[in-house]
Amino acid sequence: NKMKSIRIHGGGKDKYEHNTEQGDVGEKLVDDVVNNGLSIDKKATIEDSSKGYGSGDRIITFGNKNMLMVEVKNKGTITKEDMKQFKEHYEKDFSENKCQMALFLSLKTQQIPNIGDKPYLEYKNGVGYIGFNDKYTVEQKKYHLDRCINELYCRYKEENEKINKVDKEENSLYNITLETLFNKKAKNKDDIKKNEKEKETN
């Protein structure tokens, strides 16, 4: 069971006695963004993946059944251990086909180890990283998260369309080559028959 936490108010910002409550607040923010309707897909749903299904904190399922795993960090410093754990999570989920995309979301700092201090989505091969400035309001964070999920999904889709196009082109080239070889084989058989007849005649 999760330990009950006490929220301490002061200086205009909430502080938390335990990381559990802090994490819950971050995960609820993601829930709210999806449940209010993503701009990229109003039919998308979200579920808690920390309870056993897959890895990370949340799984977002889009209308076309593609899935995005989200790992949420709501703390001031992101460690290399956090990054290593995220990598292990998405590699495991990808290999088991539990999701096709993964997002590392830092809600209190833009500084992410091996990624840097970037105010935009870092993306490659279905995996994205984004960090928000702690000065953002909750509503600003929700807005930017929606835009971030939108961009990640579009880039993943574009990336896979290119891969599928290359695969189709390679298959087409393979089929053309195979057809040419069969035609040559048939022609060679005809030539052999003609040569045999000419040999008998000679």
N, C-alpha and C. Protein backbone atom coordinates (compact mmCIF):
# COMPACT_ATOMS: atom_id res chain seq x y z
N ASN A 1 0.84 -1.20 0.00
CA ASN A 1 0.00 0.00 0.00
C ASN A 1 0.87 1.25 0.00
N LYS A 2 0.37 2.29 -0.69
CA LYS A 2 1.13 3.53 -0.73
C LYS A 2 1.00 4.27 0.59
N MET A 3 2.11 4.85 1.03
CA MET A 3 2.13 5.59 2.27
C MET A 3 1.35 6.89 2.12
N LYS A 4 0.53 7.21 3.11
CA LYS A 4 -0.23 8.46 3.08
C LYS A 4 0.73 9.63 3.17
N SER A 5 0.56 10.63 2.30
CA SER A 5 1.45 11.76 2.28
C SER A 5 0.75 13.02 2.74
N ILE A 6 1.52 13.94 3.26
CA ILE A 6 1.00 15.23 3.71
C ILE A 6 1.50 16.29 2.77
N ARG A 7 0.57 17.07 2.18
CA ARG A 7 0.96 18.15 1.29
C ARG A 7 1.21 19.40 2.13
N ILE A 8 2.37 20.00 1.96
CA ILE A 8 2.75 21.19 2.72
C ILE A 8 2.69 22.39 1.80
N HIS A 9 1.91 23.40 2.13
CA HIS A 9 1.77 24.58 1.29
C HIS A 9 2.72 25.67 1.78
N GLY A 10 3.26 26.40 0.81
CA GLY A 10 4.15 27.50 1.19
C GLY A 10 4.84 28.06 -0.02
N GLY A 11 5.01 29.37 -0.06
CA GLY A 11 5.75 29.99 -1.15
C GLY A 11 5.05 29.86 -2.49
N GLY A 12 3.72 29.57 -2.46
CA GLY A 12 3.00 29.51 -3.72
C GLY A 12 3.13 28.18 -4.44
N LYS A 13 3.95 27.27 -3.92
CA LYS A 13 4.14 25.97 -4.58
C LYS A 13 3.84 24.85 -3.59
N ASP A 14 3.35 23.75 -4.11
CA ASP A 14 3.09 22.59 -3.26
C ASP A 14 4.38 21.82 -3.04
N LYS A 15 4.57 21.37 -1.79
CA LYS A 15 5.70 20.49 -1.50
C LYS A 15 5.11 19.19 -0.97
N TYR A 16 5.85 18.11 -1.13
CA TYR A 16 5.33 16.81 -0.76
C TYR A 16 6.29 16.12 0.19
N GLU A 17 5.67 15.44 1.18
CA GLU A 17 6.50 14.76 2.16
C GLU A 17 7.05 13.46 1.58
N HIS A 18 6.35 12.87 0.64
CA HIS A 18 6.78 11.59 0.07
C HIS A 18 6.69 11.63 -1.45
N ASN A 19 7.60 10.90 -2.10
CA ASN A 19 7.65 10.88 -3.56
C ASN A 19 6.40 10.26 -4.17
N THR A 20 5.71 9.39 -3.39
CA THR A 20 4.53 8.70 -3.92
C THR A 20 3.46 9.70 -4.32
N GLU A 21 3.15 10.64 -3.42
CA GLU A 21 2.11 11.63 -3.73
C GLU A 21 2.57 12.52 -4.88
N GLN A 22 3.85 12.88 -4.86
CA GLN A 22 4.40 13.73 -5.92
C GLN A 22 4.21 13.06 -7.28
N GLY A 23 4.49 11.73 -7.32
CA GLY A 23 4.31 10.98 -8.56
C GLY A 23 2.86 10.92 -8.97
N ASP A 24 1.95 10.73 -7.98
CA ASP A 24 0.52 10.66 -8.27
C ASP A 24 0.03 11.95 -8.92
N VAL A 25 0.52 13.08 -8.46
CA VAL A 25 0.12 14.37 -9.01
C VAL A 25 0.54 14.46 -10.48
N GLY A 26 1.77 14.02 -10.77
CA GLY A 26 2.27 14.04 -12.14
C GLY A 26 1.47 13.12 -13.05
N GLU A 27 1.14 11.93 -12.55
CA GLU A 27 0.39 10.97 -13.36
C GLU A 27 -1.04 11.45 -13.59
N LYS A 28 -1.62 12.12 -12.59
CA LYS A 28 -2.98 12.65 -12.73
C LYS A 28 -3.02 13.72 -13.82
N LEU A 29 -1.95 14.49 -13.92
CA LEU A 29 -1.89 15.51 -14.96
C LEU A 29 -1.98 14.87 -16.34
N VAL A 30 -1.27 13.76 -16.53
CA VAL A 30 -1.31 13.05 -17.81
C VAL A 30 -2.71 12.48 -18.04
N ASP A 31 -3.31 11.91 -16.98
CA ASP A 31 -4.68 11.39 -17.08
C ASP A 31 -5.65 12.47 -17.57
N ASP A 32 -5.53 13.65 -16.95
CA ASP A 32 -6.43 14.76 -17.29
C ASP A 32 -6.30 15.16 -18.76
N VAL A 33 -5.06 15.22 -19.25
CA VAL A 33 -4.81 15.63 -20.64
C VAL A 33 -5.49 14.66 -21.60
N VAL A 34 -5.36 13.37 -21.35
CA VAL A 34 -5.94 12.36 -22.25
C VAL A 34 -7.46 12.31 -22.09
N ASN A 35 -7.92 12.31 -20.85
CA ASN A 35 -9.37 12.20 -20.60
C ASN A 35 -10.14 13.42 -21.09
N ASN A 36 -9.49 14.57 -21.16
CA ASN A 36 -10.14 15.77 -21.68
C ASN A 36 -10.17 15.78 -23.21
N GLY A 37 -9.46 14.82 -23.83
CA GLY A 37 -9.47 14.69 -25.29
C GLY A 37 -8.21 15.23 -25.92
N LEU A 38 -7.36 14.33 -26.40
CA LEU A 38 -6.13 14.76 -27.08
C LEU A 38 -6.48 15.44 -28.40
N SER A 39 -5.74 16.47 -28.75
CA SER A 39 -6.00 17.16 -30.01
C SER A 39 -5.75 16.25 -31.21
N ILE A 40 -4.84 15.28 -31.06
CA ILE A 40 -4.51 14.38 -32.16
C ILE A 40 -5.51 13.23 -32.27
N ASP A 41 -6.19 12.90 -31.16
CA ASP A 41 -7.10 11.74 -31.17
C ASP A 41 -8.05 11.82 -29.97
N LYS A 42 -9.26 12.26 -30.21
CA LYS A 42 -10.25 12.41 -29.13
C LYS A 42 -10.69 11.07 -28.55
N LYS A 43 -10.45 9.98 -29.31
CA LYS A 43 -10.88 8.66 -28.85
C LYS A 43 -9.81 7.94 -28.03
N ALA A 44 -8.66 8.56 -27.86
CA ALA A 44 -7.56 7.92 -27.11
C ALA A 44 -7.98 7.70 -25.66
N THR A 45 -7.51 6.58 -25.10
CA THR A 45 -7.80 6.25 -23.69
C THR A 45 -6.49 6.07 -22.94
N ILE A 46 -6.56 6.10 -21.61
CA ILE A 46 -5.35 5.97 -20.79
C ILE A 46 -5.60 5.00 -19.65
N GLU A 47 -4.56 4.22 -19.30
CA GLU A 47 -4.67 3.32 -18.16
C GLU A 47 -3.37 3.29 -17.37
N ASP A 48 -3.50 2.90 -16.13
CA ASP A 48 -2.35 2.80 -15.22
C ASP A 48 -1.58 1.52 -15.56
N SER A 49 -0.36 1.68 -16.06
CA SER A 49 0.44 0.50 -16.45
C SER A 49 1.38 0.05 -15.33
N SER A 50 1.38 0.79 -14.22
CA SER A 50 2.26 0.41 -13.10
C SER A 50 1.67 -0.76 -12.31
N LYS A 51 0.44 -1.14 -12.63
CA LYS A 51 -0.23 -2.21 -11.89
C LYS A 51 0.05 -3.60 -12.49
N GLY A 52 0.89 -3.66 -13.51
CA GLY A 52 1.23 -4.98 -14.05
C GLY A 52 1.27 -5.06 -15.55
N TYR A 53 0.42 -4.28 -16.25
CA TYR A 53 0.43 -4.35 -17.72
C TYR A 53 1.55 -3.47 -18.26
N GLY A 54 2.55 -4.10 -18.81
CA GLY A 54 3.65 -3.32 -19.40
C GLY A 54 4.48 -2.63 -18.34
N SER A 55 5.15 -1.55 -18.75
CA SER A 55 6.04 -0.81 -17.87
C SER A 55 5.62 0.65 -17.83
N GLY A 56 6.45 1.46 -17.18
CA GLY A 56 6.14 2.89 -17.11
C GLY A 56 4.98 3.16 -16.18
N ASP A 57 4.44 4.37 -16.28
CA ASP A 57 3.35 4.79 -15.39
C ASP A 57 1.98 4.74 -16.06
N ARG A 58 1.95 5.06 -17.36
CA ARG A 58 0.69 5.10 -18.08
C ARG A 58 0.85 4.52 -19.49
N ILE A 59 -0.24 3.96 -19.99
CA ILE A 59 -0.30 3.52 -21.39
C ILE A 59 -1.46 4.26 -22.05
N ILE A 60 -1.15 4.99 -23.12
CA ILE A 60 -2.18 5.68 -23.90
C ILE A 60 -2.45 4.84 -25.14
N THR A 61 -3.72 4.51 -25.34
CA THR A 61 -4.12 3.73 -26.51
C THR A 61 -4.88 4.63 -27.46
N PHE A 62 -4.37 4.76 -28.68
CA PHE A 62 -5.01 5.61 -29.68
C PHE A 62 -6.12 4.84 -30.40
N GLY A 63 -6.92 5.56 -31.18
CA GLY A 63 -8.05 4.97 -31.87
C GLY A 63 -7.67 3.84 -32.81
N ASN A 64 -6.44 3.90 -33.37
CA ASN A 64 -6.00 2.84 -34.29
C ASN A 64 -5.29 1.70 -33.56
N LYS A 65 -5.37 1.70 -32.22
CA LYS A 65 -4.81 0.65 -31.35
C LYS A 65 -3.31 0.76 -31.14
N ASN A 66 -2.65 1.76 -31.73
CA ASN A 66 -1.25 2.01 -31.39
C ASN A 66 -1.18 2.47 -29.94
N MET A 67 -0.08 2.12 -29.26
CA MET A 67 0.03 2.44 -27.82
C MET A 67 1.30 3.23 -27.52
N LEU A 68 1.15 4.16 -26.59
CA LEU A 68 2.26 4.99 -26.14
C LEU A 68 2.45 4.79 -24.64
N MET A 69 3.66 4.34 -24.26
CA MET A 69 3.98 4.22 -22.83
C MET A 69 4.55 5.55 -22.34
N VAL A 70 4.06 6.03 -21.20
CA VAL A 70 4.54 7.29 -20.64
C VAL A 70 5.14 7.05 -19.26
N GLU A 71 6.37 7.49 -19.08
CA GLU A 71 7.02 7.43 -17.77
C GLU A 71 7.11 8.86 -17.26
N VAL A 72 6.51 9.12 -16.10
CA VAL A 72 6.41 10.49 -15.56
C VAL A 72 7.36 10.69 -14.39
N LYS A 73 8.14 11.78 -14.45
CA LYS A 73 9.00 12.16 -13.33
C LYS A 73 8.60 13.57 -12.89
N ASN A 74 8.21 13.67 -11.61
CA ASN A 74 7.76 14.95 -11.08
C ASN A 74 8.71 15.37 -9.95
N LYS A 75 10.01 15.49 -10.31
CA LYS A 75 11.02 15.86 -9.32
C LYS A 75 12.04 16.80 -9.95
N GLY A 76 12.78 17.50 -9.11
CA GLY A 76 13.69 18.54 -9.58
C GLY A 76 14.94 18.07 -10.29
N THR A 77 15.37 16.83 -10.02
CA THR A 77 16.60 16.31 -10.64
C THR A 77 16.34 14.95 -11.26
N ILE A 78 16.62 14.83 -12.56
CA ILE A 78 16.51 13.55 -13.25
C ILE A 78 17.89 12.90 -13.24
N THR A 79 17.95 11.64 -12.82
CA THR A 79 19.23 10.95 -12.69
C THR A 79 19.49 10.01 -13.86
N LYS A 80 20.75 9.58 -13.99
CA LYS A 80 21.10 8.60 -15.02
C LYS A 80 20.39 7.27 -14.76
N GLU A 81 20.13 7.00 -13.49
CA GLU A 81 19.41 5.77 -13.14
C GLU A 81 17.97 5.83 -13.66
N ASP A 82 17.36 7.03 -13.58
CA ASP A 82 16.00 7.20 -14.14
C ASP A 82 16.00 6.88 -15.63
N MET A 83 17.03 7.36 -16.32
CA MET A 83 17.14 7.17 -17.77
C MET A 83 17.36 5.69 -18.12
N LYS A 84 18.21 5.04 -17.33
CA LYS A 84 18.50 3.62 -17.55
C LYS A 84 17.23 2.79 -17.35
N GLN A 85 16.46 3.12 -16.31
CA GLN A 85 15.23 2.39 -16.01
C GLN A 85 14.21 2.58 -17.14
N PHE A 86 14.09 3.82 -17.63
CA PHE A 86 13.16 4.10 -18.73
C PHE A 86 13.53 3.29 -19.97
N LYS A 87 14.83 3.26 -20.29
CA LYS A 87 15.30 2.52 -21.46
C LYS A 87 14.97 1.03 -21.33
N GLU A 88 15.20 0.48 -20.15
CA GLU A 88 14.90 -0.93 -19.90
C GLU A 88 13.40 -1.19 -20.08
N HIS A 89 12.58 -0.24 -19.59
CA HIS A 89 11.13 -0.38 -19.68
C HIS A 89 10.65 -0.39 -21.13
N TYR A 90 11.08 0.62 -21.92
CA TYR A 90 10.54 0.68 -23.28
C TYR A 90 11.11 -0.43 -24.17
N GLU A 91 12.36 -0.83 -23.95
CA GLU A 91 12.92 -1.92 -24.75
C GLU A 91 12.17 -3.23 -24.48
N LYS A 92 11.82 -3.46 -23.22
CA LYS A 92 11.07 -4.66 -22.84
C LYS A 92 9.67 -4.61 -23.47
N ASP A 93 9.01 -3.46 -23.35
CA ASP A 93 7.65 -3.33 -23.89
C ASP A 93 7.63 -3.43 -25.41
N PHE A 94 8.63 -2.84 -26.06
CA PHE A 94 8.71 -2.93 -27.53
C PHE A 94 8.89 -4.38 -27.96
N SER A 95 9.78 -5.10 -27.27
CA SER A 95 10.07 -6.49 -27.65
C SER A 95 8.86 -7.39 -27.44
N GLU A 96 8.00 -7.03 -26.45
CA GLU A 96 6.80 -7.83 -26.16
C GLU A 96 5.57 -7.26 -26.86
N ASN A 97 5.79 -6.24 -27.71
CA ASN A 97 4.71 -5.59 -28.47
C ASN A 97 3.59 -5.05 -27.57
N LYS A 98 3.97 -4.54 -26.40
CA LYS A 98 2.99 -3.95 -25.49
C LYS A 98 2.77 -2.48 -25.79
N CYS A 99 3.66 -1.89 -26.58
CA CYS A 99 3.48 -0.53 -27.05
C CYS A 99 4.42 -0.31 -28.23
N GLN A 100 4.14 0.72 -29.02
CA GLN A 100 4.97 1.03 -30.18
C GLN A 100 5.77 2.32 -29.97
N MET A 101 5.35 3.12 -28.99
CA MET A 101 6.01 4.40 -28.70
C MET A 101 6.23 4.55 -27.20
N ALA A 102 7.20 5.41 -26.85
CA ALA A 102 7.47 5.66 -25.43
C ALA A 102 7.83 7.12 -25.22
N LEU A 103 7.38 7.68 -24.11
CA LEU A 103 7.67 9.09 -23.79
C LEU A 103 8.18 9.21 -22.37
N PHE A 104 9.36 9.85 -22.22
CA PHE A 104 9.89 10.18 -20.90
C PHE A 104 9.47 11.63 -20.62
N LEU A 105 8.67 11.83 -19.58
CA LEU A 105 8.11 13.15 -19.28
C LEU A 105 8.62 13.66 -17.94
N SER A 106 9.37 14.76 -17.98
CA SER A 106 9.85 15.42 -16.76
C SER A 106 9.03 16.69 -16.55
N LEU A 107 8.31 16.75 -15.43
CA LEU A 107 7.39 17.86 -15.20
C LEU A 107 7.98 19.04 -14.44
N LYS A 108 9.15 18.85 -13.82
CA LYS A 108 9.70 19.92 -12.99
C LYS A 108 11.04 20.48 -13.47
N THR A 109 11.64 19.82 -14.46
CA THR A 109 12.92 20.31 -14.98
C THR A 109 13.09 19.94 -16.45
N GLN A 110 13.71 20.84 -17.22
CA GLN A 110 14.02 20.56 -18.61
C GLN A 110 15.33 19.78 -18.75
N GLN A 111 16.14 19.77 -17.69
CA GLN A 111 17.45 19.14 -17.74
C GLN A 111 17.33 17.63 -17.62
N ILE A 112 17.62 16.93 -18.72
CA ILE A 112 17.53 15.48 -18.75
C ILE A 112 18.89 14.90 -19.15
N PRO A 113 19.48 14.01 -18.35
CA PRO A 113 20.79 13.43 -18.67
C PRO A 113 20.83 12.82 -20.07
N ASN A 114 21.92 13.09 -20.79
CA ASN A 114 22.15 12.60 -22.16
C ASN A 114 21.25 13.26 -23.21
N ILE A 115 20.33 14.09 -22.77
CA ILE A 115 19.43 14.79 -23.69
C ILE A 115 19.72 16.29 -23.67
N GLY A 116 19.96 16.82 -22.46
CA GLY A 116 20.27 18.24 -22.33
C GLY A 116 19.10 19.04 -21.80
N ASP A 117 19.25 20.35 -21.86
CA ASP A 117 18.23 21.28 -21.36
C ASP A 117 17.48 21.83 -22.57
N LYS A 118 16.51 21.05 -23.06
CA LYS A 118 15.82 21.42 -24.30
C LYS A 118 14.33 21.68 -24.04
N PRO A 119 13.81 22.79 -24.56
CA PRO A 119 12.39 23.11 -24.36
C PRO A 119 11.49 22.47 -25.43
N TYR A 120 11.98 21.45 -26.10
CA TYR A 120 11.20 20.82 -27.17
C TYR A 120 11.38 19.31 -27.10
N LEU A 121 10.55 18.60 -27.86
CA LEU A 121 10.58 17.15 -27.87
C LEU A 121 11.83 16.63 -28.57
N GLU A 122 12.56 15.78 -27.89
CA GLU A 122 13.68 15.04 -28.50
C GLU A 122 13.13 13.68 -28.90
N TYR A 123 13.22 13.34 -30.19
CA TYR A 123 12.56 12.13 -30.68
C TYR A 123 13.44 11.32 -31.62
N LYS A 124 13.36 10.00 -31.49
CA LYS A 124 14.02 9.10 -32.43
C LYS A 124 13.47 7.68 -32.25
N ASN A 125 13.13 7.05 -33.38
CA ASN A 125 12.71 5.64 -33.40
C ASN A 125 11.61 5.30 -32.39
N GLY A 126 10.59 6.13 -32.35
CA GLY A 126 9.44 5.84 -31.49
C GLY A 126 9.60 6.27 -30.03
N VAL A 127 10.75 6.85 -29.68
CA VAL A 127 11.01 7.24 -28.29
C VAL A 127 11.20 8.75 -28.18
N GLY A 128 10.47 9.37 -27.25
CA GLY A 128 10.56 10.82 -27.08
C GLY A 128 10.93 11.21 -25.65
N TYR A 129 11.58 12.38 -25.53
CA TYR A 129 11.94 12.94 -24.23
C TYR A 129 11.52 14.40 -24.21
N ILE A 130 10.87 14.81 -23.11
CA ILE A 130 10.50 16.22 -22.97
C ILE A 130 10.58 16.61 -21.49
N GLY A 131 11.10 17.82 -21.24
CA GLY A 131 11.15 18.35 -19.89
C GLY A 131 10.49 19.72 -19.86
N PHE A 132 9.67 19.97 -18.83
CA PHE A 132 9.00 21.26 -18.70
C PHE A 132 9.66 22.10 -17.62
N ASN A 133 9.70 23.38 -17.85
CA ASN A 133 10.21 24.33 -16.86
C ASN A 133 9.27 24.33 -15.66
N ASP A 134 9.83 24.32 -14.45
CA ASP A 134 9.02 24.26 -13.23
C ASP A 134 8.17 25.52 -13.05
N LYS A 135 8.49 26.59 -13.78
CA LYS A 135 7.71 27.83 -13.66
C LYS A 135 6.39 27.75 -14.43
N TYR A 136 6.24 26.73 -15.28
CA TYR A 136 4.98 26.56 -16.00
C TYR A 136 3.85 26.30 -15.01
N THR A 137 2.69 26.85 -15.30
CA THR A 137 1.50 26.52 -14.50
C THR A 137 1.03 25.13 -14.92
N VAL A 138 0.11 24.57 -14.13
CA VAL A 138 -0.44 23.25 -14.46
C VAL A 138 -1.10 23.27 -15.83
N GLU A 139 -1.83 24.34 -16.12
CA GLU A 139 -2.52 24.44 -17.41
C GLU A 139 -1.53 24.54 -18.57
N GLN A 140 -0.42 25.25 -18.35
CA GLN A 140 0.61 25.35 -19.38
C GLN A 140 1.24 23.98 -19.64
N LYS A 141 1.48 23.25 -18.56
CA LYS A 141 2.05 21.91 -18.69
C LYS A 141 1.10 20.99 -19.45
N LYS A 142 -0.18 21.09 -19.17
CA LYS A 142 -1.17 20.27 -19.87
C LYS A 142 -1.19 20.61 -21.36
N TYR A 143 -1.15 21.90 -21.67
CA TYR A 143 -1.17 22.33 -23.07
C TYR A 143 0.06 21.80 -23.81
N HIS A 144 1.24 21.98 -23.21
CA HIS A 144 2.47 21.54 -23.86
C HIS A 144 2.55 20.02 -23.97
N LEU A 145 1.99 19.31 -22.99
CA LEU A 145 1.99 17.84 -23.06
C LEU A 145 1.11 17.38 -24.22
N ASP A 146 -0.04 17.99 -24.39
CA ASP A 146 -0.91 17.65 -25.51
C ASP A 146 -0.20 17.86 -26.84
N ARG A 147 0.50 19.00 -26.98
CA ARG A 147 1.23 19.30 -28.21
C ARG A 147 2.37 18.30 -28.43
N CYS A 148 3.02 17.92 -27.33
CA CYS A 148 4.14 16.98 -27.38
C CYS A 148 3.67 15.60 -27.85
N ILE A 149 2.55 15.11 -27.30
CA ILE A 149 2.00 13.81 -27.71
C ILE A 149 1.59 13.87 -29.18
N ASN A 150 1.02 14.99 -29.57
CA ASN A 150 0.64 15.21 -30.97
C ASN A 150 1.86 15.06 -31.89
N GLU A 151 2.95 15.76 -31.55
CA GLU A 151 4.15 15.72 -32.37
C GLU A 151 4.77 14.32 -32.40
N LEU A 152 4.86 13.69 -31.23
CA LEU A 152 5.46 12.35 -31.16
C LEU A 152 4.68 11.37 -32.04
N TYR A 153 3.35 11.41 -31.93
CA TYR A 153 2.51 10.50 -32.70
C TYR A 153 2.66 10.73 -34.20
N CYS A 154 2.68 12.00 -34.61
CA CYS A 154 2.81 12.34 -36.04
C CYS A 154 4.17 11.90 -36.58
N ARG A 155 5.22 12.11 -35.79
CA ARG A 155 6.57 11.74 -36.24
C ARG A 155 6.72 10.22 -36.32
N TYR A 156 6.10 9.52 -35.38
CA TYR A 156 6.12 8.04 -35.41
C TYR A 156 5.41 7.54 -36.66
N LYS A 157 4.24 8.12 -36.93
CA LYS A 157 3.44 7.73 -38.10
C LYS A 157 4.21 7.99 -39.40
N GLU A 158 4.81 9.18 -39.48
CA GLU A 158 5.59 9.55 -40.67
C GLU A 158 6.78 8.62 -40.86
N GLU A 159 7.45 8.32 -39.75
CA GLU A 159 8.61 7.43 -39.76
C GLU A 159 8.23 6.05 -40.28
N ASN A 160 7.10 5.53 -39.83
CA ASN A 160 6.67 4.19 -40.22
C ASN A 160 6.14 4.14 -41.64
N GLU A 161 5.54 5.24 -42.09
CA GLU A 161 5.09 5.29 -43.48
C GLU A 161 6.28 5.21 -44.42
N LYS A 162 7.40 5.85 -44.05
CA LYS A 162 8.62 5.79 -44.86
C LYS A 162 9.18 4.38 -44.88
N ILE A 163 9.17 3.72 -43.71
CA ILE A 163 9.68 2.34 -43.61
C ILE A 163 8.82 1.41 -44.47
N ASN A 164 7.49 1.57 -44.38
CA ASN A 164 6.58 0.74 -45.17
C ASN A 164 6.77 0.97 -46.66
N LYS A 165 7.04 2.24 -47.03
CA LYS A 165 7.25 2.57 -48.44
C LYS A 165 8.51 1.87 -48.96
N VAL A 166 9.58 1.92 -48.15
CA VAL A 166 10.84 1.25 -48.53
C VAL A 166 10.62 -0.25 -48.65
N ASP A 167 9.88 -0.82 -47.69
CA ASP A 167 9.60 -2.27 -47.73
C ASP A 167 8.84 -2.64 -49.00
N LYS A 168 7.84 -1.82 -49.35
CA LYS A 168 7.04 -2.09 -50.55
C LYS A 168 7.91 -2.00 -51.81
N GLU A 169 8.79 -0.97 -51.82
CA GLU A 169 9.67 -0.80 -52.97
C GLU A 169 10.64 -1.97 -53.10
N GLU A 170 11.16 -2.44 -51.95
CA GLU A 170 12.07 -3.58 -51.96
C GLU A 170 11.35 -4.85 -52.41
N ASN A 171 10.11 -5.03 -51.95
CA ASN A 171 9.32 -6.20 -52.36
C ASN A 171 9.02 -6.15 -53.86
N SER A 172 8.71 -4.93 -54.33
CA SER A 172 8.42 -4.76 -55.75
C SER A 172 9.65 -5.09 -56.59
N LEU A 173 10.82 -4.61 -56.15
CA LEU A 173 12.07 -4.88 -56.86
C LEU A 173 12.38 -6.38 -56.86
N TYR A 174 12.14 -7.01 -55.72
CA TYR A 174 12.36 -8.46 -55.60
C TYR A 174 11.47 -9.23 -56.58
N ASN A 175 10.19 -8.83 -56.64
CA ASN A 175 9.24 -9.51 -57.52
C ASN A 175 9.61 -9.33 -59.00
N ILE A 176 10.04 -8.11 -59.36
CA ILE A 176 10.44 -7.84 -60.75
C ILE A 176 11.66 -8.69 -61.12
N THR A 177 12.63 -8.74 -60.20
CA THR A 177 13.85 -9.54 -60.44
C THR A 177 13.51 -11.01 -60.59
N LEU A 178 12.63 -11.50 -59.72
CA LEU A 178 12.22 -12.90 -59.76
C LEU A 178 11.50 -13.23 -61.07
N GLU A 179 10.62 -12.32 -61.50
CA GLU A 179 9.89 -12.52 -62.75
C GLU A 179 10.86 -12.56 -63.94
N THR A 180 11.86 -11.67 -63.92
CA THR A 180 12.88 -11.63 -64.99
C THR A 180 13.65 -12.94 -65.06
N LEU A 181 14.01 -13.47 -63.89
CA LEU A 181 14.74 -14.74 -63.84
C LEU A 181 13.91 -15.90 -64.38
N PHE A 182 12.61 -15.93 -64.03
CA PHE A 182 11.73 -16.98 -64.53
C PHE A 182 11.59 -16.90 -66.05
N ASN A 183 11.49 -15.67 -66.56
CA ASN A 183 11.38 -15.47 -68.01
C ASN A 183 12.65 -15.95 -68.73
N LYS A 184 13.79 -15.63 -68.12
CA LYS A 184 15.07 -16.07 -68.70
C LYS A 184 15.17 -17.59 -68.69
N LYS A 185 14.70 -18.17 -67.59
CA LYS A 185 14.74 -19.64 -67.46
C LYS A 185 13.89 -20.29 -68.56
N ALA A 186 12.68 -19.74 -68.77
CA ALA A 186 11.79 -20.27 -69.81
C ALA A 186 12.42 -20.12 -71.18
N LYS A 187 13.04 -18.96 -71.45
CA LYS A 187 13.69 -18.71 -72.74
C LYS A 187 14.85 -19.69 -72.96
N ASN A 188 15.63 -19.91 -71.90
CA ASN A 188 16.76 -20.84 -71.99
C ASN A 188 16.28 -22.26 -72.31
N LYS A 189 15.15 -22.65 -71.73
CA LYS A 189 14.59 -23.98 -72.00
C LYS A 189 14.20 -24.09 -73.48
N ASP A 190 13.57 -23.03 -74.00
CA ASP A 190 13.19 -23.02 -75.42
C ASP A 190 14.42 -23.11 -76.32
N ASP A 191 15.46 -22.34 -75.96
CA ASP A 191 16.71 -22.35 -76.74
C ASP A 191 17.34 -23.73 -76.75
N ILE A 192 17.30 -24.43 -75.62
CA ILE A 192 17.87 -25.77 -75.52
C ILE A 192 17.12 -26.74 -76.42
N LYS A 193 15.77 -26.64 -76.42
CA LYS A 193 14.95 -27.50 -77.28
C LYS A 193 15.28 -27.27 -78.75
N LYS A 194 15.40 -25.99 -79.14
CA LYS A 194 15.72 -25.65 -80.53
C LYS A 194 17.10 -26.19 -80.90
N ASN A 195 18.05 -26.04 -80.00
CA ASN A 195 19.40 -26.55 -80.26
C ASN A 195 19.42 -28.07 -80.42
N GLU A 196 18.60 -28.76 -79.60
CA GLU A 196 18.52 -30.22 -79.70
C GLU A 196 17.97 -30.65 -81.07
N LYS A 197 16.92 -29.92 -81.54
CA LYS A 197 16.32 -30.22 -82.84
C LYS A 197 17.33 -29.96 -83.98
N GLU A 198 18.03 -28.84 -83.86
CA GLU A 198 19.04 -28.49 -84.89
C GLU A 198 20.15 -29.53 -84.89
N LYS A 199 20.49 -30.02 -83.71
CA LYS A 199 21.55 -31.03 -83.61
C LYS A 199 21.14 -32.32 -84.31
N GLU A 200 19.87 -32.74 -84.08
CA GLU A 200 19.35 -33.96 -84.74
C GLU A 200 19.33 -33.81 -86.26
N THR A 201 18.88 -32.60 -86.69
CA THR A 201 18.82 -32.33 -88.12
C THR A 201 20.22 -32.37 -88.74
N ASN A 202 21.19 -31.73 -88.09
CA ASN A 202 22.57 -31.70 -88.60
C ASN A 202 23.15 -33.11 -88.63
